[in-house]
Amino acid sequence: MLNQQAAAGCTILVAGPNFGCGSSREHAAWALYEFGIRAVISSSIADIFYGNALRNGLLPVIVEVAIRDWLLAHPGTDVEIDLETMTVALADGRRAAFPIEAYKKARAG
């Protein structure tokens, strides 16, 4: 999907479950960041990737499966991530909360 015109300039990647599994090195987070991605939204993100992402300026956002599935079904839709309130705002008006620990939140901001 990233090679399609609709993805040009996008900064949020919506991914399948257990995103980053097997990506134990920081290179995975570096590559996404260098590509222009600033946040990854999924229903689950592998622990090591999650930590590497935060250390390298990439925000990992974990949402319910239904939210992730809606985003995957509506590529190119506007999504707003608010780190302060720890919410994702969808184009259809719904808001979804995501967890992030306080010290990780400060690191990501």
PDB file of N, CA and C in Angstrom:
ATOM      1  N   MET A   1       0.814  -1.199   0.000  1.00  0.00           N
ATOM      2  CA  MET A   1       0.000   0.000   0.000  1.00  0.00           C
ATOM      3  C   MET A   1       0.858   1.264   0.000  1.00  0.00           C
ATOM      4  N   LEU A   2       2.023   1.210   0.604  1.00  0.00           N
ATOM      5  CA  LEU A   2       2.875   2.399   0.662  1.00  0.00           C
ATOM      6  C   LEU A   2       3.384   2.833  -0.701  1.00  0.00           C
ATOM      7  N   ASN A   3       3.339   1.937  -1.684  1.00  0.00           N
ATOM      8  CA  ASN A   3       3.814   2.285  -3.012  1.00  0.00           C
ATOM      9  C   ASN A   3       2.713   2.884  -3.894  1.00  0.00           C
ATOM     10  N   GLN A   4       1.547   3.150  -3.331  1.00  0.00           N
ATOM     11  CA  GLN A   4       0.454   3.750  -4.087  1.00  0.00           C
ATOM     12  C   GLN A   4       0.406   5.251  -3.858  1.00  0.00           C
ATOM     13  N   GLN A   5      -0.069   5.974  -4.831  1.00  0.00           N
ATOM     14  CA  GLN A   5      -0.116   7.435  -4.783  1.00  0.00           C
ATOM     15  C   GLN A   5      -0.872   7.949  -3.557  1.00  0.00           C
ATOM     16  N   ALA A   6      -1.937   7.250  -3.149  1.00  0.00           N
ATOM     17  CA  ALA A   6      -2.736   7.684  -1.998  1.00  0.00           C
ATOM     18  C   ALA A   6      -1.913   7.716  -0.709  1.00  0.00           C
ATOM     19  N   ALA A   7      -0.838   6.957  -0.657  1.00  0.00           N
ATOM     20  CA  ALA A   7      -0.012   6.897   0.550  1.00  0.00           C
ATOM     21  C   ALA A   7       1.084   7.962   0.571  1.00  0.00           C
ATOM     22  N   ALA A   8       1.268   8.652  -0.516  1.00  0.00           N
ATOM     23  CA  ALA A   8       2.332   9.667  -0.576  1.00  0.00           C
ATOM     24  C   ALA A   8       2.134  10.714   0.512  1.00  0.00           C
ATOM     25  N   GLY A   9       3.155  10.935   1.291  1.00  0.00           N
ATOM     26  CA  GLY A   9       3.112  11.938   2.347  1.00  0.00           C
ATOM     27  C   GLY A   9       2.446  11.488   3.634  1.00  0.00           C
ATOM     28  N   CYS A  10       1.943  10.274   3.680  1.00  0.00           N
ATOM     29  CA  CYS A  10       1.306   9.779   4.903  1.00  0.00           C
ATOM     30  C   CYS A  10       2.349   9.600   6.001  1.00  0.00           C
ATOM     31  N   THR A  11       1.970   9.902   7.218  1.00  0.00           N
ATOM     32  CA  THR A  11       2.890   9.786   8.350  1.00  0.00           C
ATOM     33  C   THR A  11       2.434   8.755   9.372  1.00  0.00           C
ATOM     34  N   ILE A  12       1.273   8.158   9.138  1.00  0.00           N
ATOM     35  CA  ILE A  12       0.737   7.135  10.042  1.00  0.00           C
ATOM     36  C   ILE A  12       0.595   5.833   9.273  1.00  0.00           C
ATOM     37  N   LEU A  13       1.150   4.759   9.831  1.00  0.00           N
ATOM     38  CA  LEU A  13       1.039   3.430   9.246  1.00  0.00           C
ATOM     39  C   LEU A  13       0.053   2.619  10.075  1.00  0.00           C
ATOM     40  N   VAL A  14      -0.962   2.063   9.430  1.00  0.00           N
ATOM     41  CA  VAL A  14      -1.909   1.171  10.104  1.00  0.00           C
ATOM     42  C   VAL A  14      -1.487  -0.243   9.744  1.00  0.00           C
ATOM     43  N   ALA A  15      -1.279  -1.067  10.763  1.00  0.00           N
ATOM     44  CA  ALA A  15      -0.685  -2.383  10.550  1.00  0.00           C
ATOM     45  C   ALA A  15      -1.519  -3.501  11.158  1.00  0.00           C
ATOM     46  N   GLY A  16      -1.242  -4.705  10.695  1.00  0.00           N
ATOM     47  CA  GLY A  16      -1.897  -5.891  11.206  1.00  0.00           C
ATOM     48  C   GLY A  16      -1.441  -6.220  12.612  1.00  0.00           C
ATOM     49  N   PRO A  17      -1.978  -7.304  13.172  1.00  0.00           N
ATOM     50  CA  PRO A  17      -1.664  -7.664  14.561  1.00  0.00           C
ATOM     51  C   PRO A  17      -0.206  -8.077  14.746  1.00  0.00           C
ATOM     52  N   ASN A  18       0.270  -7.873  15.969  1.00  0.00           N
ATOM     53  CA  ASN A  18       1.629  -8.237  16.370  1.00  0.00           C
ATOM     54  C   ASN A  18       2.680  -7.572  15.498  1.00  0.00           C
ATOM     55  N   PHE A  19       2.421  -6.324  15.143  1.00  0.00           N
ATOM     56  CA  PHE A  19       3.330  -5.597  14.262  1.00  0.00           C
ATOM     57  C   PHE A  19       4.718  -5.496  14.901  1.00  0.00           C
ATOM     58  N   GLY A  20       5.717  -5.693  14.108  1.00  0.00           N
ATOM     59  CA  GLY A  20       7.096  -5.590  14.577  1.00  0.00           C
ATOM     60  C   GLY A  20       7.657  -6.869  15.147  1.00  0.00           C
ATOM     61  N   CYS A  21       6.871  -7.939  15.169  1.00  0.00           N
ATOM     62  CA  CYS A  21       7.360  -9.208  15.684  1.00  0.00           C
ATOM     63  C   CYS A  21       8.552  -9.650  14.833  1.00  0.00           C
ATOM     64  N   GLY A  22       9.645  -9.989  15.481  1.00  0.00           N
ATOM     65  CA  GLY A  22      10.853 -10.385  14.767  1.00  0.00           C
ATOM     66  C   GLY A  22      11.768  -9.217  14.475  1.00  0.00           C
ATOM     67  N   SER A  23      11.332  -8.005  14.795  1.00  0.00           N
ATOM     68  CA  SER A  23      12.150  -6.811  14.553  1.00  0.00           C
ATOM     69  C   SER A  23      12.824  -6.399  15.851  1.00  0.00           C
ATOM     70  N   SER A  24      13.787  -7.190  16.283  1.00  0.00           N
ATOM     71  CA  SER A  24      14.406  -6.928  17.579  1.00  0.00           C
ATOM     72  C   SER A  24      15.481  -5.848  17.522  1.00  0.00           C
ATOM     73  N   ARG A  25      15.840  -5.423  16.363  1.00  0.00           N
ATOM     74  CA  ARG A  25      16.852  -4.362  16.246  1.00  0.00           C
ATOM     75  C   ARG A  25      16.171  -3.036  15.956  1.00  0.00           C
ATOM     76  N   GLU A  26      16.852  -1.977  16.312  1.00  0.00           N
ATOM     77  CA  GLU A  26      16.283  -0.650  16.116  1.00  0.00           C
ATOM     78  C   GLU A  26      16.139  -0.269  14.651  1.00  0.00           C
ATOM     79  N   HIS A  27      16.762  -1.015  13.773  1.00  0.00           N
ATOM     80  CA  HIS A  27      16.722  -0.676  12.351  1.00  0.00           C
ATOM     81  C   HIS A  27      15.298  -0.609  11.795  1.00  0.00           C
ATOM     82  N   ALA A  28      14.407  -1.439  12.302  1.00  0.00           N
ATOM     83  CA  ALA A  28      13.028  -1.429  11.817  1.00  0.00           C
ATOM     84  C   ALA A  28      12.371  -0.083  12.119  1.00  0.00           C
ATOM     85  N   ALA A  29      12.525   0.394  13.338  1.00  0.00           N
ATOM     86  CA  ALA A  29      11.961   1.698  13.702  1.00  0.00           C
ATOM     87  C   ALA A  29      12.666   2.817  12.937  1.00  0.00           C
ATOM     88  N   TRP A  30      13.978   2.715  12.799  1.00  0.00           N
ATOM     89  CA  TRP A  30      14.735   3.726  12.039  1.00  0.00           C
ATOM     90  C   TRP A  30      14.227   3.819  10.612  1.00  0.00           C
ATOM     91  N   ALA A  31      14.032   2.661   9.976  1.00  0.00           N
ATOM     92  CA  ALA A  31      13.611   2.647   8.576  1.00  0.00           C
ATOM     93  C   ALA A  31      12.250   3.317   8.405  1.00  0.00           C
ATOM     94  N   LEU A  32      11.314   2.997   9.275  1.00  0.00           N
ATOM     95  CA  LEU A  32       9.996   3.626   9.184  1.00  0.00           C
ATOM     96  C   LEU A  32      10.098   5.133   9.398  1.00  0.00           C
ATOM     97  N   TYR A  33      10.883   5.534  10.391  1.00  0.00           N
ATOM     98  CA  TYR A  33      11.041   6.960  10.680  1.00  0.00           C
ATOM     99  C   TYR A  33      11.682   7.685   9.495  1.00  0.00           C
ATOM    100  N   GLU A  34      12.722   7.100   8.944  1.00  0.00           N
ATOM    101  CA  GLU A  34      13.400   7.705   7.789  1.00  0.00           C
ATOM    102  C   GLU A  34      12.481   7.789   6.577  1.00  0.00           C
ATOM    103  N   PHE A  35      11.544   6.870   6.459  1.00  0.00           N
ATOM    104  CA  PHE A  35      10.575   6.871   5.369  1.00  0.00           C
ATOM    105  C   PHE A  35       9.542   7.985   5.542  1.00  0.00           C
ATOM    106  N   GLY A  36       9.423   8.516   6.765  1.00  0.00           N
ATOM    107  CA  GLY A  36       8.470   9.585   7.047  1.00  0.00           C
ATOM    108  C   GLY A  36       7.333   9.181   7.958  1.00  0.00           C
ATOM    109  N   ILE A  37       7.315   7.933   8.376  1.00  0.00           N
ATOM    110  CA  ILE A  37       6.275   7.461   9.288  1.00  0.00           C
ATOM    111  C   ILE A  37       6.578   7.978  10.692  1.00  0.00           C
ATOM    112  N   ARG A  38       5.574   8.523  11.367  1.00  0.00           N
ATOM    113  CA  ARG A  38       5.760   9.041  12.720  1.00  0.00           C
ATOM    114  C   ARG A  38       4.940   8.283  13.761  1.00  0.00           C
ATOM    115  N   ALA A  39       3.998   7.454  13.302  1.00  0.00           N
ATOM    116  CA  ALA A  39       3.199   6.652  14.224  1.00  0.00           C
ATOM    117  C   ALA A  39       2.765   5.363  13.528  1.00  0.00           C
ATOM    118  N   VAL A  40       2.661   4.300  14.318  1.00  0.00           N
ATOM    119  CA  VAL A  40       2.145   3.018  13.842  1.00  0.00           C
ATOM    120  C   VAL A  40       0.932   2.686  14.696  1.00  0.00           C
ATOM    121  N   ILE A  41      -0.188   2.423  14.045  1.00  0.00           N
ATOM    122  CA  ILE A  41      -1.412   2.039  14.742  1.00  0.00           C
ATOM    123  C   ILE A  41      -1.684   0.570  14.451  1.00  0.00           C
ATOM    124  N   SER A  42      -1.901  -0.210  15.499  1.00  0.00           N
ATOM    125  CA  SER A  42      -2.237  -1.622  15.357  1.00  0.00           C
ATOM    126  C   SER A  42      -3.008  -2.076  16.584  1.00  0.00           C
ATOM    127  N   SER A  43      -3.536  -3.287  16.502  1.00  0.00           N
ATOM    128  CA  SER A  43      -4.231  -3.855  17.660  1.00  0.00           C
ATOM    129  C   SER A  43      -3.240  -4.493  18.630  1.00  0.00           C
ATOM    130  N   SER A  44      -2.048  -4.777  18.163  1.00  0.00           N
ATOM    131  CA  SER A  44      -0.974  -5.266  19.034  1.00  0.00           C
ATOM    132  C   SER A  44       0.364  -4.990  18.352  1.00  0.00           C
ATOM    133  N   ILE A  45       1.339  -4.667  19.180  1.00  0.00           N
ATOM    134  CA  ILE A  45       2.674  -4.346  18.685  1.00  0.00           C
ATOM    135  C   ILE A  45       3.667  -5.116  19.538  1.00  0.00           C
ATOM    136  N   ALA A  46       4.604  -5.774  18.889  1.00  0.00           N
ATOM    137  CA  ALA A  46       5.604  -6.568  19.605  1.00  0.00           C
ATOM    138  C   ALA A  46       6.367  -5.694  20.602  1.00  0.00           C
ATOM    139  N   ASP A  47       6.619  -6.241  21.785  1.00  0.00           N
ATOM    140  CA  ASP A  47       7.234  -5.478  22.879  1.00  0.00           C
ATOM    141  C   ASP A  47       8.562  -4.824  22.508  1.00  0.00           C
ATOM    142  N   ILE A  48       9.461  -5.579  21.895  1.00  0.00           N
ATOM    143  CA  ILE A  48      10.777  -5.018  21.568  1.00  0.00           C
ATOM    144  C   ILE A  48      10.643  -3.903  20.545  1.00  0.00           C
ATOM    145  N   PHE A  49       9.809  -4.107  19.522  1.00  0.00           N
ATOM    146  CA  PHE A  49       9.592  -3.056  18.536  1.00  0.00           C
ATOM    147  C   PHE A  49       8.981  -1.828  19.204  1.00  0.00           C
ATOM    148  N   TYR A  50       8.031  -2.040  20.108  1.00  0.00           N
ATOM    149  CA  TYR A  50       7.368  -0.936  20.814  1.00  0.00           C
ATOM    150  C   TYR A  50       8.398  -0.052  21.509  1.00  0.00           C
ATOM    151  N   GLY A  51       9.303  -0.674  22.255  1.00  0.00           N
ATOM    152  CA  GLY A  51      10.336   0.086  22.952  1.00  0.00           C
ATOM    153  C   GLY A  51      11.292   0.771  21.994  1.00  0.00           C
ATOM    154  N   ASN A  52      11.709   0.076  20.960  1.00  0.00           N
ATOM    155  CA  ASN A  52      12.614   0.672  19.975  1.00  0.00           C
ATOM    156  C   ASN A  52      11.963   1.848  19.265  1.00  0.00           C
ATOM    157  N   ALA A  53      10.677   1.720  18.970  1.00  0.00           N
ATOM    158  CA  ALA A  53       9.959   2.803  18.310  1.00  0.00           C
ATOM    159  C   ALA A  53       9.974   4.059  19.173  1.00  0.00           C
ATOM    160  N   LEU A  54       9.620   3.917  20.434  1.00  0.00           N
ATOM    161  CA  LEU A  54       9.594   5.073  21.335  1.00  0.00           C
ATOM    162  C   LEU A  54      10.964   5.720  21.468  1.00  0.00           C
ATOM    163  N   ARG A  55      12.001   4.905  21.536  1.00  0.00           N
ATOM    164  CA  ARG A  55      13.361   5.458  21.672  1.00  0.00           C
ATOM    165  C   ARG A  55      13.825   6.190  20.424  1.00  0.00           C
ATOM    166  N   ASN A  56      13.140   5.975  19.332  1.00  0.00           N
ATOM    167  CA  ASN A  56      13.587   6.545  18.063  1.00  0.00           C
ATOM    168  C   ASN A  56      12.578   7.479  17.409  1.00  0.00           C
ATOM    169  N   GLY A  57      11.647   8.014  18.201  1.00  0.00           N
ATOM    170  CA  GLY A  57      10.744   9.040  17.701  1.00  0.00           C
ATOM    171  C   GLY A  57       9.519   8.549  16.953  1.00  0.00           C
ATOM    172  N   LEU A  58       9.255   7.255  17.000  1.00  0.00           N
ATOM    173  CA  LEU A  58       8.108   6.666  16.323  1.00  0.00           C
ATOM    174  C   LEU A  58       7.079   6.282  17.387  1.00  0.00           C
ATOM    175  N   LEU A  59       5.862   6.791  17.272  1.00  0.00           N
ATOM    176  CA  LEU A  59       4.839   6.540  18.285  1.00  0.00           C
ATOM    177  C   LEU A  59       4.065   5.263  17.978  1.00  0.00           C
ATOM    178  N   PRO A  60       4.165   4.242  18.845  1.00  0.00           N
ATOM    179  CA  PRO A  60       3.370   3.031  18.668  1.00  0.00           C
ATOM    180  C   PRO A  60       2.017   3.190  19.365  1.00  0.00           C
ATOM    181  N   VAL A  61       0.936   3.012  18.629  1.00  0.00           N
ATOM    182  CA  VAL A  61      -0.412   3.230  19.152  1.00  0.00           C
ATOM    183  C   VAL A  61      -1.187   1.919  19.070  1.00  0.00           C
ATOM    184  N   ILE A  62      -1.638   1.443  20.223  1.00  0.00           N
ATOM    185  CA  ILE A  62      -2.399   0.196  20.270  1.00  0.00           C
ATOM    186  C   ILE A  62      -3.871   0.529  20.505  1.00  0.00           C
ATOM    187  N   VAL A  63      -4.709   0.066  19.570  1.00  0.00           N
ATOM    188  CA  VAL A  63      -6.151   0.304  19.634  1.00  0.00           C
ATOM    189  C   VAL A  63      -6.895  -1.027  19.541  1.00  0.00           C
ATOM    190  N   GLU A  64      -8.188  -0.981  19.766  1.00  0.00           N
ATOM    191  CA  GLU A  64      -9.019  -2.179  19.650  1.00  0.00           C
ATOM    192  C   GLU A  64      -9.012  -2.677  18.206  1.00  0.00           C
ATOM    193  N   VAL A  65      -9.237  -3.977  18.046  1.00  0.00           N
ATOM    194  CA  VAL A  65      -9.240  -4.600  16.717  1.00  0.00           C
ATOM    195  C   VAL A  65     -10.242  -3.912  15.792  1.00  0.00           C
ATOM    196  N   ALA A  66     -11.419  -3.569  16.300  1.00  0.00           N
ATOM    197  CA  ALA A  66     -12.447  -2.943  15.462  1.00  0.00           C
ATOM    198  C   ALA A  66     -11.977  -1.606  14.891  1.00  0.00           C
ATOM    199  N   ILE A  67     -11.251  -0.845  15.687  1.00  0.00           N
ATOM    200  CA  ILE A  67     -10.728   0.444  15.217  1.00  0.00           C
ATOM    201  C   ILE A  67      -9.670   0.209  14.150  1.00  0.00           C
ATOM    202  N   ARG A  68      -8.752  -0.713  14.425  1.00  0.00           N
ATOM    203  CA  ARG A  68      -7.711  -1.026  13.442  1.00  0.00           C
ATOM    204  C   ARG A  68      -8.331  -1.518  12.143  1.00  0.00           C
ATOM    205  N   ASP A  69      -9.320  -2.399  12.251  1.00  0.00           N
ATOM    206  CA  ASP A  69      -9.962  -2.936  11.055  1.00  0.00           C
ATOM    207  C   ASP A  69     -10.671  -1.845  10.259  1.00  0.00           C
ATOM    208  N   TRP A  70     -11.309  -0.899  10.947  1.00  0.00           N
ATOM    209  CA  TRP A  70     -11.970   0.209  10.259  1.00  0.00           C
ATOM    210  C   TRP A  70     -10.930   1.027   9.500  1.00  0.00           C
ATOM    211  N   LEU A  71      -9.802   1.299  10.132  1.00  0.00           N
ATOM    212  CA  LEU A  71      -8.750   2.071   9.464  1.00  0.00           C
ATOM    213  C   LEU A  71      -8.201   1.332   8.250  1.00  0.00           C
ATOM    214  N   LEU A  72      -8.017   0.028   8.369  1.00  0.00           N
ATOM    215  CA  LEU A  72      -7.525  -0.756   7.235  1.00  0.00           C
ATOM    216  C   LEU A  72      -8.539  -0.778   6.086  1.00  0.00           C
ATOM    217  N   ALA A  73      -9.818  -0.728   6.426  1.00  0.00           N
ATOM    218  CA  ALA A  73     -10.867  -0.742   5.404  1.00  0.00           C
ATOM    219  C   ALA A  73     -11.073   0.622   4.751  1.00  0.00           C
ATOM    220  N   HIS A  74     -10.493   1.663   5.334  1.00  0.00           N
ATOM    221  CA  HIS A  74     -10.646   3.031   4.822  1.00  0.00           C
ATOM    222  C   HIS A  74      -9.273   3.680   4.623  1.00  0.00           C
ATOM    223  N   PRO A  75      -8.470   3.144   3.717  1.00  0.00           N
ATOM    224  CA  PRO A  75      -7.126   3.702   3.510  1.00  0.00           C
ATOM    225  C   PRO A  75      -7.190   5.155   3.032  1.00  0.00           C
ATOM    226  N   GLY A  76      -6.245   5.933   3.484  1.00  0.00           N
ATOM    227  CA  GLY A  76      -6.171   7.326   3.070  1.00  0.00           C
ATOM    228  C   GLY A  76      -7.076   8.261   3.842  1.00  0.00           C
ATOM    229  N   THR A  77      -7.858   7.714   4.775  1.00  0.00           N
ATOM    230  CA  THR A  77      -8.752   8.565   5.564  1.00  0.00           C
ATOM    231  C   THR A  77      -7.939   9.386   6.565  1.00  0.00           C
ATOM    232  N   ASP A  78      -8.471  10.522   6.944  1.00  0.00           N
ATOM    233  CA  ASP A  78      -7.796  11.360   7.927  1.00  0.00           C
ATOM    234  C   ASP A  78      -7.882  10.731   9.313  1.00  0.00           C
ATOM    235  N   VAL A  79      -6.750  10.723   9.996  1.00  0.00           N
ATOM    236  CA  VAL A  79      -6.642  10.205  11.355  1.00  0.00           C
ATOM    237  C   VAL A  79      -5.842  11.225  12.144  1.00  0.00           C
ATOM    238  N   GLU A  80      -6.306  11.518  13.337  1.00  0.00           N
ATOM    239  CA  GLU A  80      -5.567  12.451  14.202  1.00  0.00           C
ATOM    240  C   GLU A  80      -5.208  11.736  15.491  1.00  0.00           C
ATOM    241  N   ILE A  81      -3.930  11.780  15.845  1.00  0.00           N
ATOM    242  CA  ILE A  81      -3.463  11.185  17.095  1.00  0.00           C
ATOM    243  C   ILE A  81      -3.130  12.319  18.051  1.00  0.00           C
ATOM    244  N   ASP A  82      -3.748  12.282  19.221  1.00  0.00           N
ATOM    245  CA  ASP A  82      -3.491  13.288  20.247  1.00  0.00           C
ATOM    246  C   ASP A  82      -2.773  12.598  21.405  1.00  0.00           C
ATOM    247  N   LEU A  83      -1.481  12.827  21.507  1.00  0.00           N
ATOM    248  CA  LEU A  83      -0.683  12.182  22.545  1.00  0.00           C
ATOM    249  C   LEU A  83      -1.067  12.690  23.926  1.00  0.00           C
ATOM    250  N   GLU A  84      -1.415  13.958  24.025  1.00  0.00           N
ATOM    251  CA  GLU A  84      -1.782  14.541  25.321  1.00  0.00           C
ATOM    252  C   GLU A  84      -2.976  13.820  25.939  1.00  0.00           C
ATOM    253  N   THR A  85      -4.018  13.594  25.133  1.00  0.00           N
ATOM    254  CA  THR A  85      -5.218  12.929  25.646  1.00  0.00           C
ATOM    255  C   THR A  85      -5.205  11.423  25.386  1.00  0.00           C
ATOM    256  N   MET A  86      -4.181  10.956  24.712  1.00  0.00           N
ATOM    257  CA  MET A  86      -4.013   9.538  24.360  1.00  0.00           C
ATOM    258  C   MET A  86      -5.236   9.006  23.626  1.00  0.00           C
ATOM    259  N   THR A  87      -5.616   9.741  22.556  1.00  0.00           N
ATOM    260  CA  THR A  87      -6.751   9.331  21.746  1.00  0.00           C
ATOM    261  C   THR A  87      -6.413   9.398  20.257  1.00  0.00           C
ATOM    262  N   VAL A  88      -7.129   8.593  19.516  1.00  0.00           N
ATOM    263  CA  VAL A  88      -7.081   8.610  18.060  1.00  0.00           C
ATOM    264  C   VAL A  88      -8.453   9.061  17.596  1.00  0.00           C
ATOM    265  N   ALA A  89      -8.506  10.093  16.752  1.00  0.00           N
ATOM    266  CA  ALA A  89      -9.773  10.579  16.212  1.00  0.00           C
ATOM    267  C   ALA A  89      -9.914  10.077  14.783  1.00  0.00           C
ATOM    268  N   LEU A  90     -11.017   9.389  14.513  1.00  0.00           N
ATOM    269  CA  LEU A  90     -11.284   8.845  13.188  1.00  0.00           C
ATOM    270  C   LEU A  90     -12.138   9.810  12.382  1.00  0.00           C
ATOM    271  N   ALA A  91     -12.090   9.663  11.074  1.00  0.00           N
ATOM    272  CA  ALA A  91     -12.845  10.535  10.181  1.00  0.00           C
ATOM    273  C   ALA A  91     -14.350  10.416  10.374  1.00  0.00           C
ATOM    274  N   ASP A  92     -14.810   9.278  10.904  1.00  0.00           N
ATOM    275  CA  ASP A  92     -16.255   9.096  11.111  1.00  0.00           C
ATOM    276  C   ASP A  92     -16.733   9.685  12.440  1.00  0.00           C
ATOM    277  N   GLY A  93     -15.844  10.369  13.155  1.00  0.00           N
ATOM    278  CA  GLY A  93     -16.211  11.036  14.405  1.00  0.00           C
ATOM    279  C   GLY A  93     -15.905  10.250  15.664  1.00  0.00           C
ATOM    280  N   ARG A  94     -15.592   8.979  15.530  1.00  0.00           N
ATOM    281  CA  ARG A  94     -15.257   8.187  16.718  1.00  0.00           C
ATOM    282  C   ARG A  94     -13.882   8.561  17.239  1.00  0.00           C
ATOM    283  N   ARG A  95     -13.725   8.365  18.537  1.00  0.00           N
ATOM    284  CA  ARG A  95     -12.430   8.555  19.191  1.00  0.00           C
ATOM    285  C   ARG A  95     -12.110   7.257  19.918  1.00  0.00           C
ATOM    286  N   ALA A  96     -10.852   6.885  19.860  1.00  0.00           N
ATOM    287  CA  ALA A  96     -10.418   5.661  20.529  1.00  0.00           C
ATOM    288  C   ALA A  96      -9.239   5.987  21.427  1.00  0.00           C
ATOM    289  N   ALA A  97      -9.307   5.508  22.651  1.00  0.00           N
ATOM    290  CA  ALA A  97      -8.209   5.728  23.599  1.00  0.00           C
ATOM    291  C   ALA A  97      -7.112   4.704  23.343  1.00  0.00           C
ATOM    292  N   PHE A  98      -5.886   5.101  23.636  1.00  0.00           N
ATOM    293  CA  PHE A  98      -4.776   4.153  23.580  1.00  0.00           C
ATOM    294  C   PHE A  98      -3.921   4.325  24.822  1.00  0.00           C
ATOM    295  N   PRO A  99      -3.361   3.225  25.304  1.00  0.00           N
ATOM    296  CA  PRO A  99      -2.556   3.295  26.523  1.00  0.00           C
ATOM    297  C   PRO A  99      -1.110   3.677  26.224  1.00  0.00           C
ATOM    298  N   ILE A 100      -0.544   4.452  27.129  1.00  0.00           N
ATOM    299  CA  ILE A 100       0.892   4.723  27.089  1.00  0.00           C
ATOM    300  C   ILE A 100       1.283   5.202  28.486  1.00  0.00           C
ATOM    301  N   GLU A 101       2.328   4.622  29.011  1.00  0.00           N
ATOM    302  CA  GLU A 101       2.767   4.978  30.358  1.00  0.00           C
ATOM    303  C   GLU A 101       3.310   6.406  30.374  1.00  0.00           C
ATOM    304  N   ALA A 102       3.191   7.062  31.521  1.00  0.00           N
ATOM    305  CA  ALA A 102       3.557   8.475  31.637  1.00  0.00           C
ATOM    306  C   ALA A 102       4.989   8.756  31.197  1.00  0.00           C
ATOM    307  N   TYR A 103       5.938   7.943  31.636  1.00  0.00           N
ATOM    308  CA  TYR A 103       7.321   8.236  31.265  1.00  0.00           C
ATOM    309  C   TYR A 103       7.552   7.976  29.776  1.00  0.00           C
ATOM    310  N   LYS A 104       6.822   7.039  29.196  1.00  0.00           N
ATOM    311  CA  LYS A 104       6.934   6.792  27.753  1.00  0.00           C
ATOM    312  C   LYS A 104       6.246   7.898  26.983  1.00  0.00           C
ATOM    313  N   LYS A 105       5.165   8.415  27.527  1.00  0.00           N
ATOM    314  CA  LYS A 105       4.450   9.525  26.905  1.00  0.00           C
ATOM    315  C   LYS A 105       5.349  10.750  26.821  1.00  0.00           C
ATOM    316  N   ALA A 106       6.072  11.034  27.901  1.00  0.00           N
ATOM    317  CA  ALA A 106       6.993  12.166  27.917  1.00  0.00           C
ATOM    318  C   ALA A 106       8.105  11.960  26.888  1.00  0.00           C
ATOM    319  N   ARG A 107       8.543  10.744  26.748  1.00  0.00           N
ATOM    320  CA  ARG A 107       9.607  10.416  25.792  1.00  0.00           C
ATOM    321  C   ARG A 107       9.123  10.596  24.346  1.00  0.00           C
ATOM    322  N   ALA A 108       7.857  10.251  24.111  1.00  0.00           N
ATOM    323  CA  ALA A 108       7.301  10.316  22.754  1.00  0.00           C
ATOM    324  C   ALA A 108       6.936  11.743  22.346  1.00  0.00           C
ATOM    325  N   GLY A 109       6.658  12.587  23.309  1.00  0.00           N
ATOM    326  CA  GLY A 109       6.210  13.941  23.020  1.00  0.00           C
ATOM    327  C   GLY A 109       7.333  14.780  22.594  1.00  0.00           C
TER     328      GLY A 109
END
